[in-house]
Amino acid sequence: DVQAAIQVVSTLESGTVLVGAGTSASAGIAEALEALTSSGSDPSEALVLLISDGEDLGDPAAAGAAATALRAAGVDFFVAGVGTAEGSTIPIYNTRTESFVSRLDAAGQPLVSRLDETLLRLVASAAEGRYLGTDTTDIPGAVSGRRLSVRRRDPRHRRPPRGHRRDP
């Protein structure tokens, strides 16, 4: 539902987020495709938006393969990057102290997440999609533009030529 997506992405803000234990772009893309195909909706009207730092802790080739499967199903794909190439620690919320602390690795050292725009561009390209960069304020406009494009392709939303009337 493109309208729902527009509502969600228009509320995105940069800053601290709560994170889980690692990421896998391929798993997220595969799950999105599964949700779309099991819903019975037309994949050519769907848009998947991946927001990631690009540090795929799974197999980067698997992310490309998952993105290729999206394209094969006719799904549009946007990728937005978060973070910086220099990286920063990963904040998590400690409910006991009611404060943010850095996520630690097995050795007790702070984990650092770095933006990998090369991987994000490759994944977007594998799906013949679009890499939006790291400015989250661009996301609502990109989604809205995609929505208009879908509406123009749908004969139910086309305007009749001047001087012609639609049948009731």
N, C-alpha and C. Protein backbone atom coordinates (compact mmCIF):
# COMPACT_ATOMS: atom_id res chain seq x y z
N ASP A 1 0.86 -1.17 0.00
CA ASP A 1 0.00 0.00 0.00
C ASP A 1 0.90 1.24 0.00
N VAL A 2 0.96 1.89 -1.13
CA VAL A 2 1.87 3.02 -1.29
C VAL A 2 1.50 4.17 -0.36
N GLN A 3 0.22 4.42 -0.17
CA GLN A 3 -0.20 5.51 0.71
C GLN A 3 0.28 5.27 2.15
N ALA A 4 0.19 4.03 2.59
CA ALA A 4 0.67 3.70 3.94
C ALA A 4 2.18 3.91 4.03
N ALA A 5 2.89 3.53 2.96
CA ALA A 5 4.35 3.72 2.95
C ALA A 5 4.70 5.20 3.03
N ILE A 6 3.97 6.03 2.31
CA ILE A 6 4.23 7.46 2.35
C ILE A 6 4.04 8.00 3.76
N GLN A 7 3.00 7.54 4.44
CA GLN A 7 2.75 7.99 5.80
C GLN A 7 3.88 7.57 6.73
N VAL A 8 4.37 6.34 6.55
CA VAL A 8 5.45 5.86 7.41
C VAL A 8 6.73 6.63 7.16
N VAL A 9 7.14 6.73 5.90
CA VAL A 9 8.43 7.37 5.63
C VAL A 9 8.40 8.87 5.89
N SER A 10 7.23 9.49 5.85
CA SER A 10 7.19 10.93 6.12
C SER A 10 7.46 11.22 7.60
N THR A 11 7.39 10.20 8.45
CA THR A 11 7.65 10.41 9.87
C THR A 11 9.07 10.01 10.27
N LEU A 12 9.89 9.57 9.31
CA LEU A 12 11.26 9.17 9.63
C LEU A 12 12.07 10.36 10.11
N GLU A 13 12.89 10.11 11.10
CA GLU A 13 13.78 11.13 11.62
C GLU A 13 15.16 10.51 11.77
N SER A 14 16.18 11.32 11.59
CA SER A 14 17.52 10.81 11.84
C SER A 14 17.78 10.90 13.33
N GLY A 15 18.75 10.14 13.78
CA GLY A 15 19.11 10.17 15.19
C GLY A 15 19.23 8.76 15.73
N THR A 16 19.14 8.62 17.03
CA THR A 16 19.32 7.35 17.70
C THR A 16 18.13 6.44 17.45
N VAL A 17 18.42 5.18 17.15
CA VAL A 17 17.37 4.19 16.99
C VAL A 17 17.71 2.99 17.85
N LEU A 18 16.70 2.20 18.16
CA LEU A 18 16.92 0.96 18.90
C LEU A 18 17.29 -0.10 17.90
N VAL A 19 18.30 -0.89 18.17
CA VAL A 19 18.77 -1.88 17.21
C VAL A 19 18.79 -3.26 17.83
N GLY A 20 18.71 -4.25 16.96
CA GLY A 20 18.83 -5.63 17.38
C GLY A 20 20.26 -6.10 17.20
N ALA A 21 20.45 -7.40 17.28
CA ALA A 21 21.79 -7.97 17.20
C ALA A 21 22.20 -8.22 15.76
N GLY A 22 22.66 -7.19 15.07
CA GLY A 22 23.16 -7.35 13.72
C GLY A 22 22.09 -7.19 12.67
N THR A 23 22.55 -7.18 11.43
CA THR A 23 21.63 -7.01 10.32
C THR A 23 21.93 -8.00 9.22
N SER A 24 20.96 -8.23 8.39
CA SER A 24 21.15 -9.03 7.19
C SER A 24 20.22 -8.47 6.14
N ALA A 25 20.80 -7.73 5.20
CA ALA A 25 19.99 -7.15 4.14
C ALA A 25 19.29 -8.24 3.35
N SER A 26 19.98 -9.35 3.09
CA SER A 26 19.37 -10.42 2.30
C SER A 26 18.14 -10.99 3.00
N ALA A 27 18.21 -11.17 4.31
CA ALA A 27 17.06 -11.70 5.04
C ALA A 27 15.89 -10.73 5.00
N GLY A 28 16.17 -9.43 5.15
CA GLY A 28 15.11 -8.43 5.10
C GLY A 28 14.45 -8.36 3.74
N ILE A 29 15.27 -8.40 2.68
CA ILE A 29 14.73 -8.34 1.31
C ILE A 29 13.90 -9.60 1.03
N ALA A 30 14.42 -10.76 1.41
CA ALA A 30 13.69 -12.01 1.19
C ALA A 30 12.37 -12.02 1.95
N GLU A 31 12.37 -11.50 3.16
CA GLU A 31 11.14 -11.45 3.95
C GLU A 31 10.12 -10.52 3.30
N ALA A 32 10.59 -9.39 2.78
CA ALA A 32 9.68 -8.46 2.09
C ALA A 32 9.05 -9.13 0.87
N LEU A 33 9.86 -9.85 0.09
CA LEU A 33 9.34 -10.54 -1.09
C LEU A 33 8.34 -11.61 -0.70
N GLU A 34 8.63 -12.34 0.35
CA GLU A 34 7.70 -13.38 0.83
C GLU A 34 6.38 -12.76 1.26
N ALA A 35 6.44 -11.64 1.97
CA ALA A 35 5.21 -10.96 2.41
C ALA A 35 4.39 -10.50 1.21
N LEU A 36 5.07 -9.99 0.18
CA LEU A 36 4.35 -9.51 -1.01
C LEU A 36 3.73 -10.65 -1.79
N THR A 37 4.46 -11.73 -1.98
CA THR A 37 3.94 -12.84 -2.78
C THR A 37 2.85 -13.60 -2.05
N SER A 38 2.92 -13.67 -0.74
CA SER A 38 1.89 -14.39 0.01
C SER A 38 0.63 -13.56 0.21
N SER A 39 0.72 -12.24 -0.02
CA SER A 39 -0.46 -11.39 0.18
C SER A 39 -1.42 -11.44 -0.99
N GLY A 40 -0.96 -11.95 -2.13
CA GLY A 40 -1.81 -12.01 -3.31
C GLY A 40 -1.89 -10.69 -4.06
N SER A 41 -1.13 -9.69 -3.63
CA SER A 41 -1.15 -8.40 -4.32
C SER A 41 -0.27 -8.46 -5.56
N ASP A 42 -0.43 -7.50 -6.44
CA ASP A 42 0.35 -7.42 -7.67
C ASP A 42 1.73 -6.86 -7.34
N PRO A 43 2.79 -7.65 -7.50
CA PRO A 43 4.14 -7.16 -7.16
C PRO A 43 4.56 -5.94 -7.97
N SER A 44 4.01 -5.78 -9.18
CA SER A 44 4.42 -4.63 -9.99
C SER A 44 3.89 -3.31 -9.42
N GLU A 45 3.02 -3.40 -8.44
CA GLU A 45 2.53 -2.20 -7.76
C GLU A 45 3.20 -2.00 -6.42
N ALA A 46 4.19 -2.85 -6.11
CA ALA A 46 4.83 -2.82 -4.80
C ALA A 46 6.17 -2.08 -4.85
N LEU A 47 6.53 -1.57 -3.72
CA LEU A 47 7.81 -0.89 -3.53
C LEU A 47 8.40 -1.38 -2.22
N VAL A 48 9.64 -1.82 -2.26
CA VAL A 48 10.36 -2.20 -1.05
C VAL A 48 11.42 -1.14 -0.80
N LEU A 49 11.46 -0.65 0.43
CA LEU A 49 12.45 0.34 0.85
C LEU A 49 13.35 -0.30 1.89
N LEU A 50 14.63 -0.42 1.57
CA LEU A 50 15.62 -0.95 2.49
C LEU A 50 16.40 0.23 3.06
N ILE A 51 16.40 0.35 4.38
CA ILE A 51 17.18 1.39 5.06
C ILE A 51 18.25 0.65 5.85
N SER A 52 19.51 0.92 5.49
CA SER A 52 20.60 0.14 6.07
C SER A 52 21.90 0.93 6.07
N ASP A 53 22.84 0.49 6.90
CA ASP A 53 24.19 1.05 6.85
C ASP A 53 25.01 0.32 5.79
N GLY A 54 24.49 -0.77 5.27
CA GLY A 54 25.19 -1.53 4.25
C GLY A 54 26.18 -2.53 4.81
N GLU A 55 26.35 -2.52 6.10
CA GLU A 55 27.23 -3.50 6.72
C GLU A 55 26.44 -4.78 6.91
N ASP A 56 26.33 -5.54 5.84
CA ASP A 56 25.55 -6.77 5.86
C ASP A 56 26.37 -7.83 6.57
N LEU A 57 25.94 -8.19 7.74
CA LEU A 57 26.69 -9.18 8.50
C LEU A 57 26.43 -10.59 8.01
N GLY A 58 25.55 -10.73 7.03
CA GLY A 58 25.35 -12.00 6.35
C GLY A 58 26.26 -12.03 5.13
N ASP A 59 25.82 -12.71 4.09
CA ASP A 59 26.59 -12.84 2.86
C ASP A 59 26.20 -11.73 1.89
N PRO A 60 27.12 -10.81 1.53
CA PRO A 60 26.78 -9.72 0.61
C PRO A 60 26.25 -10.22 -0.73
N ALA A 61 26.76 -11.35 -1.23
CA ALA A 61 26.25 -11.91 -2.49
C ALA A 61 24.79 -12.32 -2.34
N ALA A 62 24.41 -12.78 -1.16
CA ALA A 62 23.02 -13.17 -0.91
C ALA A 62 22.10 -11.95 -0.98
N ALA A 63 22.58 -10.79 -0.55
CA ALA A 63 21.77 -9.57 -0.64
C ALA A 63 21.52 -9.22 -2.09
N GLY A 64 22.53 -9.36 -2.94
CA GLY A 64 22.37 -9.11 -4.36
C GLY A 64 21.40 -10.10 -4.99
N ALA A 65 21.50 -11.36 -4.60
CA ALA A 65 20.60 -12.38 -5.14
C ALA A 65 19.16 -12.12 -4.71
N ALA A 66 18.97 -11.71 -3.46
CA ALA A 66 17.62 -11.40 -2.97
C ALA A 66 17.05 -10.20 -3.72
N ALA A 67 17.89 -9.21 -3.99
CA ALA A 67 17.45 -8.03 -4.74
C ALA A 67 17.08 -8.41 -6.17
N THR A 68 17.85 -9.30 -6.78
CA THR A 68 17.54 -9.78 -8.13
C THR A 68 16.19 -10.49 -8.15
N ALA A 69 15.89 -11.24 -7.11
CA ALA A 69 14.59 -11.92 -7.02
C ALA A 69 13.45 -10.91 -6.94
N LEU A 70 13.68 -9.78 -6.24
CA LEU A 70 12.67 -8.72 -6.20
C LEU A 70 12.38 -8.21 -7.61
N ARG A 71 13.43 -7.93 -8.37
CA ARG A 71 13.27 -7.41 -9.73
C ARG A 71 12.53 -8.42 -10.60
N ALA A 72 12.88 -9.71 -10.45
CA ALA A 72 12.23 -10.76 -11.24
C ALA A 72 10.73 -10.82 -10.96
N ALA A 73 10.36 -10.46 -9.73
CA ALA A 73 8.94 -10.46 -9.35
C ALA A 73 8.25 -9.16 -9.76
N GLY A 74 9.02 -8.19 -10.28
CA GLY A 74 8.43 -6.93 -10.72
C GLY A 74 8.31 -5.88 -9.65
N VAL A 75 8.97 -6.08 -8.53
CA VAL A 75 8.89 -5.16 -7.40
C VAL A 75 9.90 -4.02 -7.58
N ASP A 76 9.46 -2.78 -7.35
CA ASP A 76 10.38 -1.65 -7.33
C ASP A 76 11.15 -1.65 -6.01
N PHE A 77 12.40 -1.18 -6.06
CA PHE A 77 13.27 -1.27 -4.89
C PHE A 77 14.05 0.02 -4.71
N PHE A 78 13.93 0.60 -3.52
CA PHE A 78 14.69 1.77 -3.13
C PHE A 78 15.58 1.38 -1.96
N VAL A 79 16.77 1.96 -1.93
CA VAL A 79 17.70 1.73 -0.83
C VAL A 79 18.14 3.08 -0.30
N ALA A 80 18.07 3.26 1.01
CA ALA A 80 18.54 4.48 1.67
C ALA A 80 19.63 4.09 2.66
N GLY A 81 20.70 4.87 2.68
CA GLY A 81 21.81 4.60 3.58
C GLY A 81 21.67 5.38 4.87
N VAL A 82 22.23 4.82 5.94
CA VAL A 82 22.29 5.51 7.23
C VAL A 82 23.70 5.37 7.79
N GLY A 83 24.13 6.40 8.48
CA GLY A 83 25.44 6.37 9.10
C GLY A 83 26.46 7.12 8.27
N THR A 84 27.72 6.93 8.63
CA THR A 84 28.83 7.57 7.93
C THR A 84 29.92 6.54 7.65
N ALA A 85 30.76 6.84 6.67
CA ALA A 85 31.87 5.94 6.34
C ALA A 85 32.86 5.84 7.50
N GLU A 86 32.98 6.93 8.29
CA GLU A 86 33.88 6.91 9.44
C GLU A 86 33.34 6.01 10.54
N GLY A 87 32.05 5.89 10.60
CA GLY A 87 31.40 5.02 11.58
C GLY A 87 31.18 5.67 12.93
N SER A 88 30.39 5.01 13.72
CA SER A 88 30.16 5.43 15.10
C SER A 88 29.67 4.23 15.89
N THR A 89 29.71 4.37 17.20
CA THR A 89 29.24 3.28 18.04
C THR A 89 27.73 3.11 17.88
N ILE A 90 27.26 1.93 18.25
CA ILE A 90 25.85 1.60 18.11
C ILE A 90 25.16 1.78 19.46
N PRO A 91 24.30 2.78 19.57
CA PRO A 91 23.64 3.00 20.86
C PRO A 91 22.49 2.02 21.07
N ILE A 92 22.40 1.51 22.28
CA ILE A 92 21.25 0.69 22.67
C ILE A 92 20.71 1.25 23.99
N TYR A 93 19.43 1.05 24.18
CA TYR A 93 18.80 1.58 25.39
C TYR A 93 18.88 0.55 26.50
N ASN A 94 19.46 0.94 27.62
CA ASN A 94 19.56 0.09 28.80
C ASN A 94 18.36 0.40 29.69
N THR A 95 17.42 -0.54 29.77
CA THR A 95 16.21 -0.29 30.56
C THR A 95 16.50 -0.21 32.05
N ARG A 96 17.57 -0.88 32.49
CA ARG A 96 17.91 -0.84 33.90
C ARG A 96 18.38 0.54 34.33
N THR A 97 19.24 1.16 33.51
CA THR A 97 19.76 2.48 33.85
C THR A 97 18.98 3.61 33.19
N GLU A 98 18.04 3.22 32.30
CA GLU A 98 17.23 4.19 31.55
C GLU A 98 18.10 5.20 30.82
N SER A 99 19.13 4.66 30.15
CA SER A 99 20.03 5.51 29.38
C SER A 99 20.56 4.71 28.19
N PHE A 100 21.14 5.44 27.23
CA PHE A 100 21.76 4.79 26.07
C PHE A 100 23.20 4.46 26.39
N VAL A 101 23.62 3.27 26.00
CA VAL A 101 25.00 2.83 26.13
C VAL A 101 25.44 2.26 24.79
N SER A 102 26.74 2.09 24.62
CA SER A 102 27.25 1.52 23.37
C SER A 102 27.12 0.01 23.39
N ARG A 103 26.69 -0.55 22.25
CA ARG A 103 26.63 -2.00 22.10
C ARG A 103 28.07 -2.50 22.10
N LEU A 104 28.33 -3.62 22.79
CA LEU A 104 29.69 -4.16 22.94
C LEU A 104 29.83 -5.47 22.19
N ASP A 105 31.06 -5.74 21.74
CA ASP A 105 31.34 -7.03 21.09
C ASP A 105 31.67 -8.07 22.16
N ALA A 106 32.02 -9.27 21.72
CA ALA A 106 32.31 -10.36 22.66
C ALA A 106 33.47 -10.04 23.59
N ALA A 107 34.39 -9.17 23.14
CA ALA A 107 35.55 -8.80 23.96
C ALA A 107 35.26 -7.61 24.87
N GLY A 108 34.02 -7.11 24.82
CA GLY A 108 33.66 -5.98 25.67
C GLY A 108 33.99 -4.62 25.08
N GLN A 109 34.39 -4.60 23.81
CA GLN A 109 34.72 -3.35 23.14
C GLN A 109 33.49 -2.81 22.40
N PRO A 110 33.35 -1.49 22.32
CA PRO A 110 32.20 -0.93 21.60
C PRO A 110 32.22 -1.33 20.12
N LEU A 111 31.06 -1.78 19.62
CA LEU A 111 30.91 -2.07 18.20
C LEU A 111 30.79 -0.76 17.44
N VAL A 112 31.39 -0.71 16.27
CA VAL A 112 31.31 0.47 15.42
C VAL A 112 30.66 0.06 14.10
N SER A 113 29.63 0.79 13.73
CA SER A 113 28.94 0.55 12.47
C SER A 113 29.40 1.58 11.46
N ARG A 114 29.74 1.11 10.24
CA ARG A 114 30.21 2.02 9.19
C ARG A 114 29.31 1.89 7.96
N LEU A 115 29.01 3.01 7.36
CA LEU A 115 28.22 3.06 6.14
C LEU A 115 29.03 2.48 4.99
N ASP A 116 28.43 1.52 4.27
CA ASP A 116 29.05 0.92 3.10
C ASP A 116 28.18 1.24 1.88
N GLU A 117 28.39 2.44 1.32
CA GLU A 117 27.57 2.86 0.18
C GLU A 117 27.83 2.02 -1.06
N THR A 118 29.01 1.45 -1.18
CA THR A 118 29.30 0.60 -2.33
C THR A 118 28.37 -0.60 -2.34
N LEU A 119 28.23 -1.26 -1.20
CA LEU A 119 27.33 -2.41 -1.12
C LEU A 119 25.88 -1.98 -1.35
N LEU A 120 25.48 -0.86 -0.77
CA LEU A 120 24.10 -0.42 -0.94
C LEU A 120 23.80 -0.12 -2.41
N ARG A 121 24.74 0.49 -3.10
CA ARG A 121 24.55 0.77 -4.54
C ARG A 121 24.48 -0.53 -5.34
N LEU A 122 25.32 -1.49 -4.99
CA LEU A 122 25.31 -2.78 -5.69
C LEU A 122 23.99 -3.52 -5.50
N VAL A 123 23.48 -3.49 -4.28
CA VAL A 123 22.21 -4.16 -4.00
C VAL A 123 21.07 -3.47 -4.77
N ALA A 124 21.06 -2.15 -4.77
CA ALA A 124 20.03 -1.41 -5.51
C ALA A 124 20.15 -1.74 -7.00
N SER A 125 21.36 -1.78 -7.51
CA SER A 125 21.58 -2.07 -8.92
C SER A 125 21.14 -3.48 -9.29
N ALA A 126 21.35 -4.44 -8.41
CA ALA A 126 20.96 -5.83 -8.66
C ALA A 126 19.46 -5.95 -8.90
N ALA A 127 18.69 -5.06 -8.28
CA ALA A 127 17.24 -5.07 -8.44
C ALA A 127 16.79 -4.05 -9.47
N GLU A 128 17.76 -3.45 -10.17
CA GLU A 128 17.45 -2.34 -11.08
C GLU A 128 16.68 -1.26 -10.32
N GLY A 129 17.09 -1.10 -9.06
CA GLY A 129 16.44 -0.13 -8.17
C GLY A 129 17.19 1.17 -8.11
N ARG A 130 16.94 1.90 -7.04
CA ARG A 130 17.50 3.25 -6.91
C ARG A 130 18.11 3.42 -5.52
N TYR A 131 19.36 3.88 -5.49
CA TYR A 131 19.99 4.23 -4.22
C TYR A 131 19.69 5.69 -3.94
N LEU A 132 19.08 5.98 -2.81
CA LEU A 132 18.64 7.34 -2.48
C LEU A 132 19.67 8.16 -1.73
N GLY A 133 20.76 7.55 -1.30
CA GLY A 133 21.74 8.27 -0.51
C GLY A 133 21.40 8.21 0.97
N THR A 134 21.97 9.16 1.74
CA THR A 134 21.83 9.11 3.20
C THR A 134 20.92 10.19 3.77
N ASP A 135 20.33 10.99 2.92
CA ASP A 135 19.44 12.05 3.39
C ASP A 135 18.02 11.50 3.48
N THR A 136 17.57 11.16 4.69
CA THR A 136 16.24 10.55 4.84
C THR A 136 15.12 11.49 4.45
N THR A 137 15.40 12.78 4.33
CA THR A 137 14.34 13.70 3.91
C THR A 137 13.99 13.49 2.43
N ASP A 138 14.83 12.79 1.67
CA ASP A 138 14.54 12.50 0.27
C ASP A 138 13.57 11.34 0.10
N ILE A 139 13.41 10.52 1.12
CA ILE A 139 12.60 9.31 1.00
C ILE A 139 11.13 9.60 0.69
N PRO A 140 10.45 10.48 1.41
CA PRO A 140 9.03 10.71 1.09
C PRO A 140 8.80 11.16 -0.35
N GLY A 141 9.66 12.03 -0.87
CA GLY A 141 9.51 12.49 -2.24
C GLY A 141 9.72 11.37 -3.25
N ALA A 142 10.69 10.51 -2.99
CA ALA A 142 10.95 9.38 -3.88
C ALA A 142 9.77 8.42 -3.89
N VAL A 143 9.21 8.14 -2.71
CA VAL A 143 8.06 7.23 -2.63
C VAL A 143 6.85 7.87 -3.30
N SER A 144 6.64 9.14 -3.07
CA SER A 144 5.51 9.84 -3.68
C SER A 144 5.64 9.84 -5.21
N GLY A 145 6.85 10.09 -5.71
CA GLY A 145 7.08 10.07 -7.15
C GLY A 145 6.83 8.71 -7.74
N ARG A 146 7.21 7.68 -7.04
CA ARG A 146 6.97 6.30 -7.50
C ARG A 146 5.47 6.03 -7.52
N ARG A 147 4.75 6.52 -6.52
CA ARG A 147 3.29 6.34 -6.46
C ARG A 147 2.62 6.98 -7.68
N LEU A 148 3.05 8.18 -8.03
CA LEU A 148 2.48 8.85 -9.20
C LEU A 148 2.78 8.07 -10.48
N SER A 149 3.96 7.50 -10.57
CA SER A 149 4.34 6.71 -11.73
C SER A 149 3.44 5.49 -11.88
N VAL A 150 3.15 4.82 -10.78
CA VAL A 150 2.26 3.65 -10.81
C VAL A 150 0.86 4.07 -11.24
N ARG A 151 0.39 5.18 -10.71
CA ARG A 151 -0.95 5.65 -11.07
C ARG A 151 -1.04 5.98 -12.56
N ARG A 152 0.02 6.53 -13.13
CA ARG A 152 0.00 6.86 -14.56
C ARG A 152 -0.04 5.61 -15.42
N ARG A 153 0.58 4.53 -14.96
CA ARG A 153 0.58 3.28 -15.72
C ARG A 153 -0.75 2.54 -15.61
N ASP A 154 -1.51 2.81 -14.56
CA ASP A 154 -2.77 2.11 -14.31
C ASP A 154 -3.88 2.74 -15.14
N PRO A 155 -4.50 1.97 -16.05
CA PRO A 155 -5.53 2.55 -16.91
C PRO A 155 -6.72 3.11 -16.14
N ARG A 156 -6.95 2.65 -14.93
CA ARG A 156 -8.07 3.17 -14.13
C ARG A 156 -7.86 4.62 -13.72
N HIS A 157 -6.59 5.09 -13.77
CA HIS A 157 -6.29 6.44 -13.33
C HIS A 157 -5.89 7.38 -14.47
N ARG A 158 -5.95 6.88 -15.69
CA ARG A 158 -5.58 7.72 -16.83
C ARG A 158 -6.71 8.66 -17.19
N ARG A 159 -6.32 9.86 -17.58
CA ARG A 159 -7.31 10.83 -18.04
C ARG A 159 -7.65 10.53 -19.49
N PRO A 160 -8.91 10.66 -19.87
CA PRO A 160 -9.26 10.47 -21.28
C PRO A 160 -8.73 11.64 -22.10
N PRO A 161 -8.51 11.44 -23.41
CA PRO A 161 -8.05 12.55 -24.25
C PRO A 161 -9.05 13.70 -24.21
N ARG A 162 -8.57 14.92 -24.45
CA ARG A 162 -9.47 16.08 -24.47
C ARG A 162 -10.61 15.85 -25.43
N GLY A 163 -11.79 16.25 -25.00
CA GLY A 163 -12.97 16.13 -25.84
C GLY A 163 -13.64 14.78 -25.74
N HIS A 164 -13.04 13.82 -25.06
CA HIS A 164 -13.64 12.50 -24.90
C HIS A 164 -14.13 12.36 -23.47
N ARG A 165 -15.18 11.60 -23.34
CA ARG A 165 -15.73 11.34 -22.01
C ARG A 165 -15.56 9.88 -21.69
N ARG A 166 -15.40 9.61 -20.44
CA ARG A 166 -15.35 8.20 -20.01
C ARG A 166 -16.75 7.67 -19.95
N ASP A 167 -16.86 6.39 -20.26
CA ASP A 167 -18.17 5.75 -20.10
C ASP A 167 -18.45 5.64 -18.61
N PRO A 168 -19.71 5.84 -18.23
CA PRO A 168 -20.04 5.78 -16.79
C PRO A 168 -19.90 4.40 -16.23
